All heavy atoms as atom14 arrays in JSON, in Angstrom:
{
  "sequence": "GMVQNQAFQKPLITPTTKAAAGHDLDISLSEIRKSRIVSDLILDQMTD",
  "atom14_mask": [
    [1, 1, 1, 1, 0, 0, 0, 0, 0, 0, 0, 0, 0, 0],
    [1, 1, 1, 1, 1, 1, 1, 1, 0, 0, 0, 0, 0, 0],
    [1, 1, 1, 1, 1, 1, 1, 0, 0, 0, 0, 0, 0, 0],
    [1, 1, 1, 1, 1, 1, 1, 1, 1, 0, 0, 0, 0, 0],
    [1, 1, 1, 1, 1, 1, 1, 1, 0, 0, 0, 0, 0, 0],
    [1, 1, 1, 1, 1, 1, 1, 1, 1, 0, 0, 0, 0, 0],
    [1, 1, 1, 1, 1, 0, 0, 0, 0, 0, 0, 0, 0, 0],
    [1, 1, 1, 1, 1, 1, 1, 1, 1, 1, 1, 0, 0, 0],
    [1, 1, 1, 1, 1, 1, 1, 1, 1, 0, 0, 0, 0, 0],
    [1, 1, 1, 1, 1, 1, 1, 1, 1, 0, 0, 0, 0, 0],
    [1, 1, 1, 1, 1, 1, 1, 0, 0, 0, 0, 0, 0, 0],
    [1, 1, 1, 1, 1, 1, 1, 1, 0, 0, 0, 0, 0, 0],
    [1, 1, 1, 1, 1, 1, 1, 1, 0, 0, 0, 0, 0, 0],
    [1, 1, 1, 1, 1, 1, 1, 0, 0, 0, 0, 0, 0, 0],
    [1, 1, 1, 1, 1, 1, 1, 0, 0, 0, 0, 0, 0, 0],
    [1, 1, 1, 1, 1, 1, 1, 0, 0, 0, 0, 0, 0, 0],
    [1, 1, 1, 1, 1, 1, 1, 0, 0, 0, 0, 0, 0, 0],
    [1, 1, 1, 1, 1, 1, 1, 1, 1, 0, 0, 0, 0, 0],
    [1, 1, 1, 1, 1, 0, 0, 0, 0, 0, 0, 0, 0, 0],
    [1, 1, 1, 1, 1, 0, 0, 0, 0, 0, 0, 0, 0, 0],
    [1, 1, 1, 1, 1, 0, 0, 0, 0, 0, 0, 0, 0, 0],
    [1, 1, 1, 1, 0, 0, 0, 0, 0, 0, 0, 0, 0, 0],
    [1, 1, 1, 1, 1, 1, 1, 1, 1, 1, 0, 0, 0, 0],
    [1, 1, 1, 1, 1, 1, 1, 1, 0, 0, 0, 0, 0, 0],
    [1, 1, 1, 1, 1, 1, 1, 1, 0, 0, 0, 0, 0, 0],
    [1, 1, 1, 1, 1, 1, 1, 1, 0, 0, 0, 0, 0, 0],
    [1, 1, 1, 1, 1, 1, 1, 1, 0, 0, 0, 0, 0, 0],
    [1, 1, 1, 1, 1, 1, 0, 0, 0, 0, 0, 0, 0, 0],
    [1, 1, 1, 1, 1, 1, 1, 1, 0, 0, 0, 0, 0, 0],
    [1, 1, 1, 1, 1, 1, 0, 0, 0, 0, 0, 0, 0, 0],
    [1, 1, 1, 1, 1, 1, 1, 1, 1, 0, 0, 0, 0, 0],
    [1, 1, 1, 1, 1, 1, 1, 1, 0, 0, 0, 0, 0, 0],
    [1, 1, 1, 1, 1, 1, 1, 1, 1, 1, 1, 0, 0, 0],
    [1, 1, 1, 1, 1, 1, 1, 1, 1, 0, 0, 0, 0, 0],
    [1, 1, 1, 1, 1, 1, 0, 0, 0, 0, 0, 0, 0, 0],
    [1, 1, 1, 1, 1, 1, 1, 1, 1, 1, 1, 0, 0, 0],
    [1, 1, 1, 1, 1, 1, 1, 1, 0, 0, 0, 0, 0, 0],
    [1, 1, 1, 1, 1, 1, 1, 0, 0, 0, 0, 0, 0, 0],
    [1, 1, 1, 1, 1, 1, 0, 0, 0, 0, 0, 0, 0, 0],
    [1, 1, 1, 1, 1, 1, 1, 1, 0, 0, 0, 0, 0, 0],
    [1, 1, 1, 1, 1, 1, 1, 1, 0, 0, 0, 0, 0, 0],
    [1, 1, 1, 1, 1, 1, 1, 1, 0, 0, 0, 0, 0, 0],
    [1, 1, 1, 1, 1, 1, 1, 1, 0, 0, 0, 0, 0, 0],
    [1, 1, 1, 1, 1, 1, 1, 1, 0, 0, 0, 0, 0, 0],
    [1, 1, 1, 1, 1, 1, 1, 1, 1, 0, 0, 0, 0, 0],
    [1, 1, 1, 1, 1, 1, 1, 1, 0, 0, 0, 0, 0, 0],
    [1, 1, 1, 1, 1, 1, 1, 0, 0, 0, 0, 0, 0, 0],
    [1, 1, 1, 1, 1, 1, 1, 1, 0, 0, 0, 0, 0, 0]
  ],
  "atom14_positions": [
    [[5.41, 20.77, -0.32], [5.71, 21.43, 0.94], [5.32, 20.68, 2.19], [5.28, 21.26, 3.28], [0.0, 0.0, 0.0], [0.0, 0.0, 0.0], [0.0, 0.0, 0.0], [0.0, 0.0, 0.0], [0.0, 0.0, 0.0], [0.0, 0.0, 0.0], [0.0, 0.0, 0.0], [0.0, 0.0, 0.0], [0.0, 0.0, 0.0], [0.0, 0.0, 0.0]],
    [[5.02, 19.4, 2.07], [4.67, 18.62, 3.26], [5.93, 18.19, 4.01], [7.03, 18.14, 3.44], [3.84, 17.38, 2.88], [2.47, 17.69, 2.32], [1.44, 16.21, 2.09], [1.09, 15.75, 3.81], [0.0, 0.0, 0.0], [0.0, 0.0, 0.0], [0.0, 0.0, 0.0], [0.0, 0.0, 0.0], [0.0, 0.0, 0.0], [0.0, 0.0, 0.0]],
    [[5.77, 17.89, 5.28], [6.89, 17.41, 6.1], [6.57, 16.02, 6.61], [5.41, 15.58, 6.61], [7.16, 18.36, 7.29], [7.58, 19.74, 6.8], [5.94, 18.47, 8.21], [0.0, 0.0, 0.0], [0.0, 0.0, 0.0], [0.0, 0.0, 0.0], [0.0, 0.0, 0.0], [0.0, 0.0, 0.0], [0.0, 0.0, 0.0], [0.0, 0.0, 0.0]],
    [[7.59, 15.33, 7.03], [7.42, 13.96, 7.52], [6.42, 13.91, 8.66], [6.45, 14.74, 9.56], [8.75, 13.38, 7.98], [8.69, 11.92, 8.37], [10.06, 11.36, 8.74], [11.0, 12.12, 8.98], [10.17, 10.04, 8.78], [0.0, 0.0, 0.0], [0.0, 0.0, 0.0], [0.0, 0.0, 0.0], [0.0, 0.0, 0.0], [0.0, 0.0, 0.0]],
    [[5.51, 12.94, 8.6], [4.49, 12.67, 9.62], [3.33, 13.66, 9.63], [2.47, 13.61, 10.51], [5.1, 12.61, 11.03], [6.18, 11.54, 11.13], [6.09, 10.49, 10.52], [7.22, 11.82, 11.9], [0.0, 0.0, 0.0], [0.0, 0.0, 0.0], [0.0, 0.0, 0.0], [0.0, 0.0, 0.0], [0.0, 0.0, 0.0], [0.0, 0.0, 0.0]],
    [[3.27, 14.55, 8.63], [2.15, 15.48, 8.52], [0.9, 14.74, 8.07], [0.96, 13.81, 7.27], [2.5, 16.58, 7.52], [1.43, 17.66, 7.37], [1.86, 18.76, 6.41], [3.05, 18.93, 6.12], [0.89, 19.5, 5.87], [0.0, 0.0, 0.0], [0.0, 0.0, 0.0], [0.0, 0.0, 0.0], [0.0, 0.0, 0.0], [0.0, 0.0, 0.0]],
    [[-0.25, 15.17, 8.57], [-1.52, 14.55, 8.19], [-1.93, 14.97, 6.78], [-1.75, 16.13, 6.39], [-2.61, 14.93, 9.18], [0.0, 0.0, 0.0], [0.0, 0.0, 0.0], [0.0, 0.0, 0.0], [0.0, 0.0, 0.0], [0.0, 0.0, 0.0], [0.0, 0.0, 0.0], [0.0, 0.0, 0.0], [0.0, 0.0, 0.0], [0.0, 0.0, 0.0]],
    [[-2.47, 14.04, 6.03], [-3.1, 14.38, 4.76], [-4.44, 15.06, 5.04], [-5.02, 14.9, 6.12], [-3.33, 13.12, 3.92], [-2.07, 12.41, 3.5], [-1.85, 11.1, 3.87], [-1.12, 13.06, 2.73], [-0.69, 10.44, 3.49], [0.05, 12.41, 2.34], [0.26, 11.09, 2.72], [0.0, 0.0, 0.0], [0.0, 0.0, 0.0], [0.0, 0.0, 0.0]],
    [[-4.95, 15.79, 4.06], [-6.25, 16.44, 4.24], [-7.35, 15.4, 4.45], [-8.31, 15.63, 5.18], [-6.56, 17.32, 3.04], [-5.69, 18.56, 2.95], [-6.15, 19.54, 1.89], [-7.21, 19.38, 1.27], [-5.35, 20.57, 1.65], [0.0, 0.0, 0.0], [0.0, 0.0, 0.0], [0.0, 0.0, 0.0], [0.0, 0.0, 0.0], [0.0, 0.0, 0.0]],
    [[-7.22, 14.26, 3.8], [-8.13, 13.14, 4.01], [-7.34, 11.85, 3.77], [-6.32, 11.87, 3.06], [-9.33, 13.21, 3.07], [-8.98, 13.12, 1.6], [-10.24, 13.16, 0.73], [-9.87, 13.0, -0.75], [-11.07, 13.01, -1.62], [0.0, 0.0, 0.0], [0.0, 0.0, 0.0], [0.0, 0.0, 0.0], [0.0, 0.0, 0.0], [0.0, 0.0, 0.0]],
    [[-7.76, 10.75, 4.35], [-7.02, 9.5, 4.17], [-6.93, 9.1, 2.7], [-7.88, 9.29, 1.92], [-7.86, 8.48, 4.96], [-8.59, 9.3, 5.98], [-8.89, 10.6, 5.29], [0.0, 0.0, 0.0], [0.0, 0.0, 0.0], [0.0, 0.0, 0.0], [0.0, 0.0, 0.0], [0.0, 0.0, 0.0], [0.0, 0.0, 0.0], [0.0, 0.0, 0.0]],
    [[-5.78, 8.58, 2.32], [-5.53, 8.14, 0.95], [-5.54, 6.61, 0.89], [-5.06, 5.94, 1.8], [-4.17, 8.64, 0.45], [-3.87, 10.13, 0.55], [-2.48, 10.42, 0.0], [-4.92, 10.96, -0.2], [0.0, 0.0, 0.0], [0.0, 0.0, 0.0], [0.0, 0.0, 0.0], [0.0, 0.0, 0.0], [0.0, 0.0, 0.0], [0.0, 0.0, 0.0]],
    [[-6.06, 6.08, -0.2], [-5.98, 4.65, -0.44], [-4.86, 4.4, -1.45], [-4.91, 4.91, -2.58], [-7.32, 4.08, -0.96], [-8.36, 4.14, 0.16], [-7.13, 2.65, -1.43], [-9.68, 3.5, -0.2], [0.0, 0.0, 0.0], [0.0, 0.0, 0.0], [0.0, 0.0, 0.0], [0.0, 0.0, 0.0], [0.0, 0.0, 0.0], [0.0, 0.0, 0.0]],
    [[-3.84, 3.67, -1.01], [-2.67, 3.4, -1.85], [-2.46, 1.89, -1.89], [-1.65, 1.35, -1.15], [-1.42, 4.11, -1.29], [-1.16, 3.65, 0.04], [-1.64, 5.62, -1.25], [0.0, 0.0, 0.0], [0.0, 0.0, 0.0], [0.0, 0.0, 0.0], [0.0, 0.0, 0.0], [0.0, 0.0, 0.0], [0.0, 0.0, 0.0], [0.0, 0.0, 0.0]],
    [[-3.17, 1.18, -2.76], [-3.13, -0.28, -2.76], [-1.76, -0.84, -3.17], [-0.94, -0.15, -3.78], [-4.19, -0.67, -3.79], [-4.98, 0.59, -4.06], [-4.04, 1.71, -3.81], [0.0, 0.0, 0.0], [0.0, 0.0, 0.0], [0.0, 0.0, 0.0], [0.0, 0.0, 0.0], [0.0, 0.0, 0.0], [0.0, 0.0, 0.0], [0.0, 0.0, 0.0]],
    [[-1.55, -2.1, -2.81], [-0.4, -2.83, -3.33], [-0.88, -4.18, -3.84], [-1.91, -4.69, -3.41], [0.69, -3.07, -2.26], [0.19, -3.98, -1.28], [1.1, -1.78, -1.59], [0.0, 0.0, 0.0], [0.0, 0.0, 0.0], [0.0, 0.0, 0.0], [0.0, 0.0, 0.0], [0.0, 0.0, 0.0], [0.0, 0.0, 0.0], [0.0, 0.0, 0.0]],
    [[-0.09, -4.73, -4.76], [-0.34, -6.11, -5.14], [0.09, -6.99, -3.98], [0.94, -6.61, -3.16], [0.49, -6.48, -6.38], [1.89, -6.31, -6.08], [0.11, -5.61, -7.55], [0.0, 0.0, 0.0], [0.0, 0.0, 0.0], [0.0, 0.0, 0.0], [0.0, 0.0, 0.0], [0.0, 0.0, 0.0], [0.0, 0.0, 0.0], [0.0, 0.0, 0.0]],
    [[-0.5, -8.18, -3.89], [-0.12, -9.11, -2.82], [0.69, -10.23, -3.46], [0.13, -11.14, -4.06], [-1.36, -9.65, -2.11], [-0.99, -10.51, -0.91], [-2.18, -10.72, 0.01], [-1.82, -11.66, 1.14], [-0.65, -11.21, 1.91], [0.0, 0.0, 0.0], [0.0, 0.0, 0.0], [0.0, 0.0, 0.0], [0.0, 0.0, 0.0], [0.0, 0.0, 0.0]],
    [[2.0, -10.13, -3.32], [2.89, -11.09, -3.96], [2.99, -12.36, -3.15], [3.05, -12.33, -1.92], [4.28, -10.47, -4.14], [0.0, 0.0, 0.0], [0.0, 0.0, 0.0], [0.0, 0.0, 0.0], [0.0, 0.0, 0.0], [0.0, 0.0, 0.0], [0.0, 0.0, 0.0], [0.0, 0.0, 0.0], [0.0, 0.0, 0.0], [0.0, 0.0, 0.0]],
    [[3.01, -13.5, -3.85], [3.21, -14.79, -3.17], [4.62, -14.87, -2.62], [4.88, -15.5, -1.59], [2.96, -15.94, -4.14], [0.0, 0.0, 0.0], [0.0, 0.0, 0.0], [0.0, 0.0, 0.0], [0.0, 0.0, 0.0], [0.0, 0.0, 0.0], [0.0, 0.0, 0.0], [0.0, 0.0, 0.0], [0.0, 0.0, 0.0], [0.0, 0.0, 0.0]],
    [[5.56, -14.22, -3.31], [6.94, -14.16, -2.84], [7.54, -12.86, -3.34], [7.13, -12.31, -4.36], [7.73, -15.36, -3.36], [0.0, 0.0, 0.0], [0.0, 0.0, 0.0], [0.0, 0.0, 0.0], [0.0, 0.0, 0.0], [0.0, 0.0, 0.0], [0.0, 0.0, 0.0], [0.0, 0.0, 0.0], [0.0, 0.0, 0.0], [0.0, 0.0, 0.0]],
    [[8.53, -12.34, -2.6], [9.16, -11.1, -3.01], [8.36, -9.88, -2.58], [7.53, -9.95, -1.69], [0.0, 0.0, 0.0], [0.0, 0.0, 0.0], [0.0, 0.0, 0.0], [0.0, 0.0, 0.0], [0.0, 0.0, 0.0], [0.0, 0.0, 0.0], [0.0, 0.0, 0.0], [0.0, 0.0, 0.0], [0.0, 0.0, 0.0], [0.0, 0.0, 0.0]],
    [[8.63, -8.77, -3.25], [8.07, -7.49, -2.83], [6.66, -7.27, -3.38], [6.38, -7.56, -4.54], [8.97, -6.34, -3.31], [10.28, -6.26, -2.6], [10.43, -5.65, -1.37], [11.5, -6.74, -2.92], [11.68, -5.72, -0.97], [12.35, -6.38, -1.9], [0.0, 0.0, 0.0], [0.0, 0.0, 0.0], [0.0, 0.0, 0.0], [0.0, 0.0, 0.0]],
    [[5.76, -6.76, -2.52], [4.49, -6.25, -3.0], [4.77, -4.95, -3.78], [5.71, -4.23, -3.48], [3.55, -5.94, -1.82], [3.23, -7.19, -1.0], [3.32, -8.29, -1.55], [2.89, -7.04, 0.19], [0.0, 0.0, 0.0], [0.0, 0.0, 0.0], [0.0, 0.0, 0.0], [0.0, 0.0, 0.0], [0.0, 0.0, 0.0], [0.0, 0.0, 0.0]],
    [[3.94, -4.65, -4.76], [4.16, -3.49, -5.62], [3.0, -2.52, -5.51], [1.83, -2.92, -5.47], [4.34, -3.94, -7.07], [5.52, -4.88, -7.35], [5.48, -5.33, -8.81], [6.85, -4.22, -7.02], [0.0, 0.0, 0.0], [0.0, 0.0, 0.0], [0.0, 0.0, 0.0], [0.0, 0.0, 0.0], [0.0, 0.0, 0.0], [0.0, 0.0, 0.0]],
    [[3.32, -1.22, -5.5], [2.29, -0.2, -5.51], [1.45, -0.31, -6.78], [1.98, -0.61, -7.86], [2.91, 1.19, -5.45], [3.53, 1.51, -4.09], [3.21, 0.8, -3.11], [4.34, 2.46, -4.01], [0.0, 0.0, 0.0], [0.0, 0.0, 0.0], [0.0, 0.0, 0.0], [0.0, 0.0, 0.0], [0.0, 0.0, 0.0], [0.0, 0.0, 0.0]],
    [[0.16, -0.04, -6.65], [-0.73, -0.05, -7.79], [-1.86, 0.94, -7.51], [-2.25, 1.14, -6.36], [-1.3, -1.48, -8.05], [-2.06, -1.54, -9.37], [-2.14, -1.96, -6.88], [-2.43, -2.97, -9.78], [0.0, 0.0, 0.0], [0.0, 0.0, 0.0], [0.0, 0.0, 0.0], [0.0, 0.0, 0.0], [0.0, 0.0, 0.0], [0.0, 0.0, 0.0]],
    [[-2.36, 1.59, -8.52], [-3.44, 2.56, -8.34], [-4.79, 1.88, -8.52], [-4.89, 0.81, -9.1], [-3.31, 3.71, -9.34], [-3.57, 3.24, -10.66], [0.0, 0.0, 0.0], [0.0, 0.0, 0.0], [0.0, 0.0, 0.0], [0.0, 0.0, 0.0], [0.0, 0.0, 0.0], [0.0, 0.0, 0.0], [0.0, 0.0, 0.0], [0.0, 0.0, 0.0]],
    [[-5.83, 2.54, -8.03], [-7.18, 2.01, -8.21], [-7.54, 1.91, -9.69], [-8.18, 0.95, -10.13], [-8.19, 2.9, -7.47], [-8.12, 2.86, -5.94], [-9.05, 3.92, -5.33], [-8.5, 1.48, -5.41], [0.0, 0.0, 0.0], [0.0, 0.0, 0.0], [0.0, 0.0, 0.0], [0.0, 0.0, 0.0], [0.0, 0.0, 0.0], [0.0, 0.0, 0.0]],
    [[-7.1, 2.89, -10.48], [-7.4, 2.85, -11.91], [-6.69, 1.69, -12.59], [-7.24, 1.05, -13.5], [-7.03, 4.18, -12.58], [-5.64, 4.43, -12.46], [0.0, 0.0, 0.0], [0.0, 0.0, 0.0], [0.0, 0.0, 0.0], [0.0, 0.0, 0.0], [0.0, 0.0, 0.0], [0.0, 0.0, 0.0], [0.0, 0.0, 0.0], [0.0, 0.0, 0.0]],
    [[-5.47, 1.39, -12.16], [-4.73, 0.26, -12.72], [-5.4, -1.07, -12.35], [-5.41, -2.01, -13.13], [-3.28, 0.27, -12.24], [-2.45, 1.38, -12.88], [-1.08, 1.52, -12.22], [-0.95, 1.22, -11.01], [-0.14, 1.95, -12.92], [0.0, 0.0, 0.0], [0.0, 0.0, 0.0], [0.0, 0.0, 0.0], [0.0, 0.0, 0.0], [0.0, 0.0, 0.0]],
    [[-5.95, -1.13, -11.13], [-6.68, -2.34, -10.72], [-7.88, -2.55, -11.62], [-8.17, -3.66, -12.06], [-7.11, -2.24, -9.25], [-5.89, -2.2, -8.32], [-8.01, -3.43, -8.86], [-6.23, -1.91, -6.87], [0.0, 0.0, 0.0], [0.0, 0.0, 0.0], [0.0, 0.0, 0.0], [0.0, 0.0, 0.0], [0.0, 0.0, 0.0], [0.0, 0.0, 0.0]],
    [[-8.61, -1.46, -11.91], [-9.79, -1.56, -12.79], [-9.39, -2.03, -14.19], [-10.05, -2.89, -14.78], [-10.51, -0.2, -12.87], [-11.12, 0.25, -11.55], [-11.92, 1.53, -11.71], [-12.22, 2.14, -10.43], [-13.2, 1.75, -9.62], [-13.98, 0.75, -9.99], [-13.41, 2.36, -8.47], [0.0, 0.0, 0.0], [0.0, 0.0, 0.0], [0.0, 0.0, 0.0]],
    [[-8.3, -1.47, -14.71], [-7.85, -1.84, -16.06], [-7.4, -3.3, -16.11], [-7.62, -3.98, -17.11], [-6.72, -0.92, -16.5], [-7.15, 0.51, -16.81], [-5.95, 1.36, -17.2], [-6.35, 2.82, -17.42], [-5.17, 3.67, -17.72], [0.0, 0.0, 0.0], [0.0, 0.0, 0.0], [0.0, 0.0, 0.0], [0.0, 0.0, 0.0], [0.0, 0.0, 0.0]],
    [[-6.75, -3.77, -15.05], [-6.21, -5.12, -15.06], [-7.27, -6.18, -14.8], [-7.02, -7.36, -15.01], [-5.12, -5.25, -14.0], [-5.67, -5.09, -12.7], [0.0, 0.0, 0.0], [0.0, 0.0, 0.0], [0.0, 0.0, 0.0], [0.0, 0.0, 0.0], [0.0, 0.0, 0.0], [0.0, 0.0, 0.0], [0.0, 0.0, 0.0], [0.0, 0.0, 0.0]],
    [[-8.43, -5.75, -14.3], [-9.55, -6.68, -14.01], [-9.16, -7.72, -12.95], [-9.64, -8.86, -12.98], [-10.04, -7.37, -15.27], [-10.41, -6.43, -16.42], [-11.46, -5.43, -16.03], [-12.74, -6.09, -15.69], [-13.76, -5.46, -15.13], [-13.68, -4.17, -14.84], [-14.87, -6.12, -14.85], [0.0, 0.0, 0.0], [0.0, 0.0, 0.0], [0.0, 0.0, 0.0]],
    [[-8.29, -7.33, -12.02], [-7.96, -8.23, -10.91], [-9.22, -8.57, -10.13], [-9.39, -9.69, -9.64], [-6.93, -7.56, -9.98], [-5.62, -7.3, -10.74], [-6.66, -8.43, -8.75], [-4.62, -6.48, -9.95], [0.0, 0.0, 0.0], [0.0, 0.0, 0.0], [0.0, 0.0, 0.0], [0.0, 0.0, 0.0], [0.0, 0.0, 0.0], [0.0, 0.0, 0.0]],
    [[-10.12, -7.61, -10.05], [-11.38, -7.78, -9.34], [-12.41, -6.91, -10.05], [-12.05, -5.94, -10.73], [-11.21, -7.4, -7.85], [-10.93, -5.91, -7.69], [-12.42, -7.81, -7.02], [0.0, 0.0, 0.0], [0.0, 0.0, 0.0], [0.0, 0.0, 0.0], [0.0, 0.0, 0.0], [0.0, 0.0, 0.0], [0.0, 0.0, 0.0], [0.0, 0.0, 0.0]],
    [[-13.67, -7.23, -9.91], [-14.7, -6.44, -10.6], [-14.79, -5.03, -10.02], [-14.41, -4.79, -8.88], [-16.06, -7.13, -10.48], [-16.57, -7.03, -9.15], [0.0, 0.0, 0.0], [0.0, 0.0, 0.0], [0.0, 0.0, 0.0], [0.0, 0.0, 0.0], [0.0, 0.0, 0.0], [0.0, 0.0, 0.0], [0.0, 0.0, 0.0], [0.0, 0.0, 0.0]],
    [[-15.31, -4.12, -10.82], [-15.49, -2.74, -10.34], [-16.39, -2.69, -9.12], [-16.15, -1.91, -8.18], [-16.08, -1.87, -11.45], [-15.08, -1.59, -12.57], [-13.89, -1.92, -12.39], [-15.5, -1.04, -13.61], [0.0, 0.0, 0.0], [0.0, 0.0, 0.0], [0.0, 0.0, 0.0], [0.0, 0.0, 0.0], [0.0, 0.0, 0.0], [0.0, 0.0, 0.0]],
    [[-17.45, -3.52, -9.11], [-18.37, -3.53, -7.98], [-17.67, -3.93, -6.7], [-17.81, -3.27, -5.65], [-19.53, -4.49, -8.27], [-20.54, -4.68, -7.13], [-21.23, -3.35, -6.81], [-21.58, -5.74, -7.49], [0.0, 0.0, 0.0], [0.0, 0.0, 0.0], [0.0, 0.0, 0.0], [0.0, 0.0, 0.0], [0.0, 0.0, 0.0], [0.0, 0.0, 0.0]],
    [[-16.88, -5.01, -6.74], [-16.17, -5.47, -5.55], [-15.1, -4.45, -5.14], [-14.92, -4.18, -3.94], [-15.53, -6.85, -5.79], [-16.62, -7.92, -5.98], [-14.62, -7.24, -4.64], [-17.51, -8.12, -4.76], [0.0, 0.0, 0.0], [0.0, 0.0, 0.0], [0.0, 0.0, 0.0], [0.0, 0.0, 0.0], [0.0, 0.0, 0.0], [0.0, 0.0, 0.0]],
    [[-14.4, -3.87, -6.11], [-13.39, -2.86, -5.79], [-14.02, -1.66, -5.1], [-13.46, -1.12, -4.13], [-12.65, -2.42, -7.05], [-11.52, -1.42, -6.83], [-10.45, -1.98, -5.91], [-10.91, -1.0, -8.18], [0.0, 0.0, 0.0], [0.0, 0.0, 0.0], [0.0, 0.0, 0.0], [0.0, 0.0, 0.0], [0.0, 0.0, 0.0], [0.0, 0.0, 0.0]],
    [[-15.18, -1.23, -5.57], [-15.88, -0.12, -4.92], [-16.24, -0.48, -3.48], [-16.13, 0.35, -2.57], [-17.14, 0.26, -5.7], [-16.83, 0.95, -7.03], [-15.69, 1.43, -7.2], [-17.72, 0.99, -7.89], [0.0, 0.0, 0.0], [0.0, 0.0, 0.0], [0.0, 0.0, 0.0], [0.0, 0.0, 0.0], [0.0, 0.0, 0.0], [0.0, 0.0, 0.0]],
    [[-16.69, -1.72, -3.26], [-17.02, -2.17, -1.91], [-15.76, -2.18, -1.04], [-15.8, -1.75, 0.13], [-17.64, -3.56, -1.95], [-19.04, -3.61, -2.55], [-19.58, -5.03, -2.62], [-19.0, -5.96, -2.07], [-20.7, -5.2, -3.3], [0.0, 0.0, 0.0], [0.0, 0.0, 0.0], [0.0, 0.0, 0.0], [0.0, 0.0, 0.0], [0.0, 0.0, 0.0]],
    [[-14.66, -2.68, -1.58], [-13.4, -2.72, -0.82], [-12.96, -1.32, -0.42], [-12.52, -1.09, 0.72], [-12.31, -3.4, -1.66], [-12.52, -4.9, -1.88], [-11.42, -5.58, -3.16], [-9.8, -5.25, -2.47], [0.0, 0.0, 0.0], [0.0, 0.0, 0.0], [0.0, 0.0, 0.0], [0.0, 0.0, 0.0], [0.0, 0.0, 0.0], [0.0, 0.0, 0.0]],
    [[-13.09, -0.38, -1.35], [-12.7, 1.01, -1.07], [-13.57, 1.61, 0.03], [-13.07, 2.22, 0.99], [-12.81, 1.85, -2.35], [-11.98, 1.29, -3.37], [-12.39, 3.29, -2.1], [0.0, 0.0, 0.0], [0.0, 0.0, 0.0], [0.0, 0.0, 0.0], [0.0, 0.0, 0.0], [0.0, 0.0, 0.0], [0.0, 0.0, 0.0], [0.0, 0.0, 0.0]],
    [[-14.87, 1.42, -0.08], [-15.81, 1.97, 0.9], [-15.58, 1.35, 2.29], [-15.5, 2.07, 3.3], [-17.24, 1.7, 0.44], [-18.28, 2.22, 1.42], [-18.31, 3.45, 1.65], [-19.05, 1.4, 1.97], [0.0, 0.0, 0.0], [0.0, 0.0, 0.0], [0.0, 0.0, 0.0], [0.0, 0.0, 0.0], [0.0, 0.0, 0.0], [0.0, 0.0, 0.0]]
  ]
}
């Protein structure tokens, strides 16, 4: 039931991969943890 430009209840973190070429792709925080792109400690710092 949300409408365009409506505020979320709190800010959302919606990461993307950073592609060298082409389109960046959506990825979740849990997928980042599973893929081990970065350590959990660093990811927690990035989120904070």
